[in-house]
Amino acid sequence: MPNIIAARSERINVRLSEAAKRRIEHAAFVEGKTVSAFIVSSALENAERTVGRHDTLVLRREEAMRFFDALGDPAPPNDRLHAALEEHARRVEMR
């Protein structure tokens, strides 16, 4: 992960309970970090996991083989695909 924490020009404000604040402060202390550094590092770790789950497709072997077979021998375009391509050409200006 690139050094995302270095630039400090943006702000996010959060409201939380007193108990949550104390818990975060304690966790930051245990890790030897400021509360801000702890929150940012924790949020970025969670963000990376979340994005990774959404950006990664995991297939069983049988599914992967069907996928690669379809790439190597695609089905011929049907009427719906032709209509979608025509609609795309009508709506999108190529530059």
N, C-alpha and C. Protein backbone atom coordinates (compact mmCIF):
# COMPACT_ATOMS: atom_id res chain seq x y z
N MET A 1 0.85 -1.18 0.00
CA MET A 1 0.00 0.00 0.00
C MET A 1 0.89 1.23 0.00
N PRO A 2 0.64 2.18 -0.89
CA PRO A 2 1.44 3.39 -0.90
C PRO A 2 1.26 4.17 0.39
N ASN A 3 2.16 5.09 0.64
CA ASN A 3 2.11 5.86 1.88
C ASN A 3 0.98 6.88 1.82
N ILE A 4 -0.22 6.42 2.05
CA ILE A 4 -1.41 7.26 1.97
C ILE A 4 -1.51 8.18 3.19
N ILE A 5 -0.93 7.77 4.29
CA ILE A 5 -1.06 8.51 5.54
C ILE A 5 -0.27 9.82 5.52
N ALA A 6 0.76 9.94 4.69
CA ALA A 6 1.67 11.08 4.72
C ALA A 6 0.98 12.42 4.50
N ALA A 7 0.11 12.55 3.50
CA ALA A 7 -0.55 13.82 3.21
C ALA A 7 -1.67 14.06 4.22
N ARG A 8 -1.67 15.20 4.85
CA ARG A 8 -2.67 15.48 5.87
C ARG A 8 -3.41 16.77 5.56
N SER A 9 -4.12 16.79 4.44
CA SER A 9 -4.84 18.00 4.08
C SER A 9 -6.35 17.83 4.15
N GLU A 10 -6.81 16.62 4.40
CA GLU A 10 -8.25 16.36 4.44
C GLU A 10 -8.67 15.99 5.85
N ARG A 11 -9.98 16.14 6.11
CA ARG A 11 -10.49 15.88 7.45
C ARG A 11 -11.78 15.08 7.35
N ILE A 12 -11.95 14.15 8.29
CA ILE A 12 -13.20 13.42 8.47
C ILE A 12 -13.58 13.57 9.94
N ASN A 13 -14.80 14.01 10.18
CA ASN A 13 -15.28 14.14 11.55
C ASN A 13 -16.23 13.00 11.87
N VAL A 14 -16.08 12.42 13.05
CA VAL A 14 -16.97 11.35 13.47
C VAL A 14 -17.48 11.64 14.88
N ARG A 15 -18.68 11.20 15.13
CA ARG A 15 -19.24 11.27 16.48
C ARG A 15 -19.35 9.85 16.99
N LEU A 16 -18.97 9.65 18.24
CA LEU A 16 -19.03 8.32 18.81
C LEU A 16 -19.32 8.42 20.30
N SER A 17 -19.67 7.30 20.88
CA SER A 17 -19.99 7.29 22.31
C SER A 17 -18.70 7.48 23.12
N GLU A 18 -18.90 7.85 24.36
CA GLU A 18 -17.76 8.03 25.26
C GLU A 18 -17.01 6.71 25.43
N ALA A 19 -17.74 5.62 25.53
CA ALA A 19 -17.11 4.31 25.70
C ALA A 19 -16.29 3.94 24.46
N ALA A 20 -16.80 4.21 23.27
CA ALA A 20 -16.05 3.92 22.05
C ALA A 20 -14.79 4.77 21.98
N LYS A 21 -14.91 6.03 22.36
CA LYS A 21 -13.74 6.92 22.35
C LYS A 21 -12.67 6.40 23.31
N ARG A 22 -13.08 6.01 24.51
CA ARG A 22 -12.11 5.48 25.49
C ARG A 22 -11.44 4.21 24.96
N ARG A 23 -12.22 3.35 24.32
CA ARG A 23 -11.68 2.10 23.78
C ARG A 23 -10.63 2.39 22.70
N ILE A 24 -10.95 3.33 21.81
CA ILE A 24 -10.01 3.70 20.74
C ILE A 24 -8.76 4.34 21.33
N GLU A 25 -8.92 5.21 22.30
CA GLU A 25 -7.76 5.83 22.94
C GLU A 25 -6.87 4.78 23.59
N HIS A 26 -7.48 3.80 24.25
CA HIS A 26 -6.71 2.75 24.89
C HIS A 26 -5.97 1.91 23.84
N ALA A 27 -6.65 1.55 22.78
CA ALA A 27 -6.01 0.77 21.71
C ALA A 27 -4.84 1.54 21.10
N ALA A 28 -5.03 2.84 20.88
CA ALA A 28 -3.95 3.66 20.32
C ALA A 28 -2.76 3.68 21.27
N PHE A 29 -3.04 3.82 22.56
CA PHE A 29 -1.97 3.83 23.57
C PHE A 29 -1.20 2.52 23.55
N VAL A 30 -1.93 1.39 23.51
CA VAL A 30 -1.31 0.07 23.51
C VAL A 30 -0.39 -0.09 22.31
N GLU A 31 -0.79 0.45 21.17
CA GLU A 31 0.04 0.34 19.96
C GLU A 31 1.09 1.44 19.86
N GLY A 32 1.09 2.36 20.79
CA GLY A 32 2.08 3.43 20.77
C GLY A 32 1.83 4.44 19.67
N LYS A 33 0.57 4.65 19.34
CA LYS A 33 0.21 5.58 18.28
C LYS A 33 -0.65 6.69 18.85
N THR A 34 -0.71 7.80 18.11
CA THR A 34 -1.69 8.82 18.45
C THR A 34 -3.06 8.27 18.07
N VAL A 35 -4.10 8.87 18.62
CA VAL A 35 -5.46 8.44 18.29
C VAL A 35 -5.69 8.61 16.79
N SER A 36 -5.26 9.73 16.25
CA SER A 36 -5.44 9.96 14.81
C SER A 36 -4.74 8.91 13.98
N ALA A 37 -3.48 8.62 14.31
CA ALA A 37 -2.71 7.62 13.55
C ALA A 37 -3.36 6.25 13.68
N PHE A 38 -3.84 5.92 14.87
CA PHE A 38 -4.50 4.63 15.07
C PHE A 38 -5.77 4.53 14.23
N ILE A 39 -6.58 5.58 14.25
CA ILE A 39 -7.83 5.56 13.49
C ILE A 39 -7.55 5.48 12.00
N VAL A 40 -6.60 6.27 11.51
CA VAL A 40 -6.29 6.26 10.08
C VAL A 40 -5.76 4.91 9.65
N SER A 41 -4.81 4.34 10.40
CA SER A 41 -4.24 3.06 10.01
C SER A 41 -5.29 1.95 10.07
N SER A 42 -6.13 1.97 11.09
CA SER A 42 -7.19 0.96 11.21
C SER A 42 -8.19 1.09 10.06
N ALA A 43 -8.59 2.31 9.76
CA ALA A 43 -9.55 2.53 8.68
C ALA A 43 -8.97 2.13 7.33
N LEU A 44 -7.70 2.44 7.09
CA LEU A 44 -7.07 2.07 5.82
C LEU A 44 -6.93 0.56 5.67
N GLU A 45 -6.58 -0.13 6.77
CA GLU A 45 -6.49 -1.60 6.71
C GLU A 45 -7.86 -2.18 6.36
N ASN A 46 -8.90 -1.69 7.00
CA ASN A 46 -10.25 -2.17 6.72
C ASN A 46 -10.66 -1.81 5.30
N ALA A 47 -10.31 -0.63 4.83
CA ALA A 47 -10.63 -0.21 3.46
C ALA A 47 -9.96 -1.14 2.45
N GLU A 48 -8.70 -1.49 2.68
CA GLU A 48 -7.99 -2.39 1.76
C GLU A 48 -8.67 -3.76 1.72
N ARG A 49 -9.06 -4.29 2.88
CA ARG A 49 -9.75 -5.59 2.91
C ARG A 49 -11.08 -5.51 2.18
N THR A 50 -11.83 -4.44 2.42
CA THR A 50 -13.14 -4.26 1.80
C THR A 50 -13.01 -4.17 0.29
N VAL A 51 -12.11 -3.34 -0.19
CA VAL A 51 -11.92 -3.18 -1.63
C VAL A 51 -11.42 -4.50 -2.23
N GLY A 52 -10.52 -5.17 -1.53
CA GLY A 52 -10.02 -6.45 -2.02
C GLY A 52 -11.11 -7.49 -2.18
N ARG A 53 -12.04 -7.53 -1.23
CA ARG A 53 -13.16 -8.48 -1.34
C ARG A 53 -14.04 -8.17 -2.53
N HIS A 54 -14.19 -6.90 -2.85
CA HIS A 54 -15.05 -6.51 -3.95
C HIS A 54 -14.34 -6.56 -5.30
N ASP A 55 -13.03 -6.44 -5.30
CA ASP A 55 -12.27 -6.42 -6.55
C ASP A 55 -11.72 -7.79 -6.94
N THR A 56 -11.86 -8.78 -6.07
CA THR A 56 -11.31 -10.10 -6.32
C THR A 56 -12.44 -11.10 -6.53
N LEU A 57 -12.34 -11.85 -7.58
CA LEU A 57 -13.32 -12.88 -7.88
C LEU A 57 -12.66 -14.23 -7.64
N VAL A 58 -13.25 -15.03 -6.77
CA VAL A 58 -12.72 -16.35 -6.47
C VAL A 58 -13.65 -17.39 -7.07
N LEU A 59 -13.09 -18.25 -7.90
CA LEU A 59 -13.88 -19.28 -8.57
C LEU A 59 -13.37 -20.66 -8.18
N ARG A 60 -14.31 -21.61 -8.10
CA ARG A 60 -13.91 -23.01 -7.96
C ARG A 60 -13.29 -23.44 -9.28
N ARG A 61 -12.57 -24.53 -9.27
CA ARG A 61 -11.87 -25.00 -10.46
C ARG A 61 -12.83 -25.16 -11.65
N GLU A 62 -13.99 -25.77 -11.40
CA GLU A 62 -14.95 -25.99 -12.49
C GLU A 62 -15.45 -24.66 -13.06
N GLU A 63 -15.70 -23.70 -12.20
CA GLU A 63 -16.15 -22.39 -12.65
C GLU A 63 -15.06 -21.69 -13.46
N ALA A 64 -13.83 -21.80 -12.99
CA ALA A 64 -12.71 -21.17 -13.70
C ALA A 64 -12.54 -21.79 -15.09
N MET A 65 -12.69 -23.11 -15.18
CA MET A 65 -12.55 -23.77 -16.48
C MET A 65 -13.66 -23.33 -17.43
N ARG A 66 -14.90 -23.21 -16.95
CA ARG A 66 -15.99 -22.74 -17.80
C ARG A 66 -15.73 -21.31 -18.26
N PHE A 67 -15.21 -20.47 -17.34
CA PHE A 67 -14.90 -19.08 -17.68
C PHE A 67 -13.85 -19.01 -18.79
N PHE A 68 -12.75 -19.76 -18.64
CA PHE A 68 -11.69 -19.72 -19.64
C PHE A 68 -12.14 -20.35 -20.96
N ASP A 69 -12.99 -21.37 -20.88
CA ASP A 69 -13.55 -21.93 -22.11
C ASP A 69 -14.38 -20.90 -22.85
N ALA A 70 -15.17 -20.14 -22.11
CA ALA A 70 -16.01 -19.10 -22.73
C ALA A 70 -15.15 -18.00 -23.35
N LEU A 71 -14.02 -17.68 -22.72
CA LEU A 71 -13.12 -16.68 -23.30
C LEU A 71 -12.51 -17.19 -24.60
N GLY A 72 -12.15 -18.46 -24.62
CA GLY A 72 -11.51 -19.03 -25.80
C GLY A 72 -12.49 -19.31 -26.93
N ASP A 73 -13.74 -19.57 -26.61
CA ASP A 73 -14.74 -19.90 -27.63
C ASP A 73 -16.05 -19.20 -27.27
N PRO A 74 -16.11 -17.88 -27.44
CA PRO A 74 -17.30 -17.14 -27.01
C PRO A 74 -18.53 -17.48 -27.84
N ALA A 75 -19.69 -17.35 -27.24
CA ALA A 75 -20.95 -17.57 -27.95
C ALA A 75 -21.12 -16.45 -28.98
N PRO A 76 -21.79 -16.74 -30.08
CA PRO A 76 -22.00 -15.69 -31.09
C PRO A 76 -22.94 -14.61 -30.53
N PRO A 77 -22.79 -13.37 -30.97
CA PRO A 77 -23.65 -12.29 -30.47
C PRO A 77 -25.11 -12.56 -30.80
N ASN A 78 -25.98 -12.31 -29.82
CA ASN A 78 -27.42 -12.49 -30.05
C ASN A 78 -28.07 -11.13 -30.29
N ASP A 79 -29.37 -11.14 -30.47
CA ASP A 79 -30.10 -9.89 -30.76
C ASP A 79 -29.96 -8.87 -29.64
N ARG A 80 -29.97 -9.33 -28.39
CA ARG A 80 -29.85 -8.40 -27.26
C ARG A 80 -28.49 -7.71 -27.26
N LEU A 81 -27.43 -8.46 -27.57
CA LEU A 81 -26.11 -7.86 -27.62
C LEU A 81 -26.02 -6.85 -28.77
N HIS A 82 -26.54 -7.21 -29.92
CA HIS A 82 -26.55 -6.27 -31.05
C HIS A 82 -27.30 -4.99 -30.67
N ALA A 83 -28.44 -5.13 -30.01
CA ALA A 83 -29.23 -3.96 -29.60
C ALA A 83 -28.45 -3.12 -28.59
N ALA A 84 -27.77 -3.78 -27.66
CA ALA A 84 -26.98 -3.05 -26.66
C ALA A 84 -25.84 -2.29 -27.31
N LEU A 85 -25.18 -2.90 -28.28
CA LEU A 85 -24.09 -2.23 -28.98
C LEU A 85 -24.59 -1.03 -29.79
N GLU A 86 -25.73 -1.19 -30.42
CA GLU A 86 -26.31 -0.06 -31.16
C GLU A 86 -26.69 1.07 -30.21
N GLU A 87 -27.27 0.72 -29.07
CA GLU A 87 -27.64 1.74 -28.07
C GLU A 87 -26.39 2.44 -27.54
N HIS A 88 -25.34 1.68 -27.30
CA HIS A 88 -24.08 2.27 -26.84
C HIS A 88 -23.53 3.25 -27.88
N ALA A 89 -23.53 2.83 -29.14
CA ALA A 89 -23.02 3.69 -30.21
C ALA A 89 -23.86 4.97 -30.31
N ARG A 90 -25.16 4.85 -30.07
CA ARG A 90 -26.03 6.01 -30.14
C ARG A 90 -25.77 6.99 -28.98
N ARG A 91 -25.48 6.45 -27.80
CA ARG A 91 -25.34 7.28 -26.60
C ARG A 91 -23.92 7.80 -26.35
N VAL A 92 -22.92 7.06 -26.77
CA VAL A 92 -21.53 7.38 -26.40
C VAL A 92 -20.80 7.96 -27.60
N GLU A 93 -20.22 9.11 -27.36
CA GLU A 93 -19.43 9.77 -28.41
C GLU A 93 -17.98 9.31 -28.28
N MET A 94 -17.46 8.75 -29.34
CA MET A 94 -16.05 8.29 -29.33
C MET A 94 -15.15 9.46 -29.66
N ARG A 95 -14.04 9.57 -28.96
CA ARG A 95 -13.10 10.66 -29.21
C ARG A 95 -11.82 10.14 -29.73
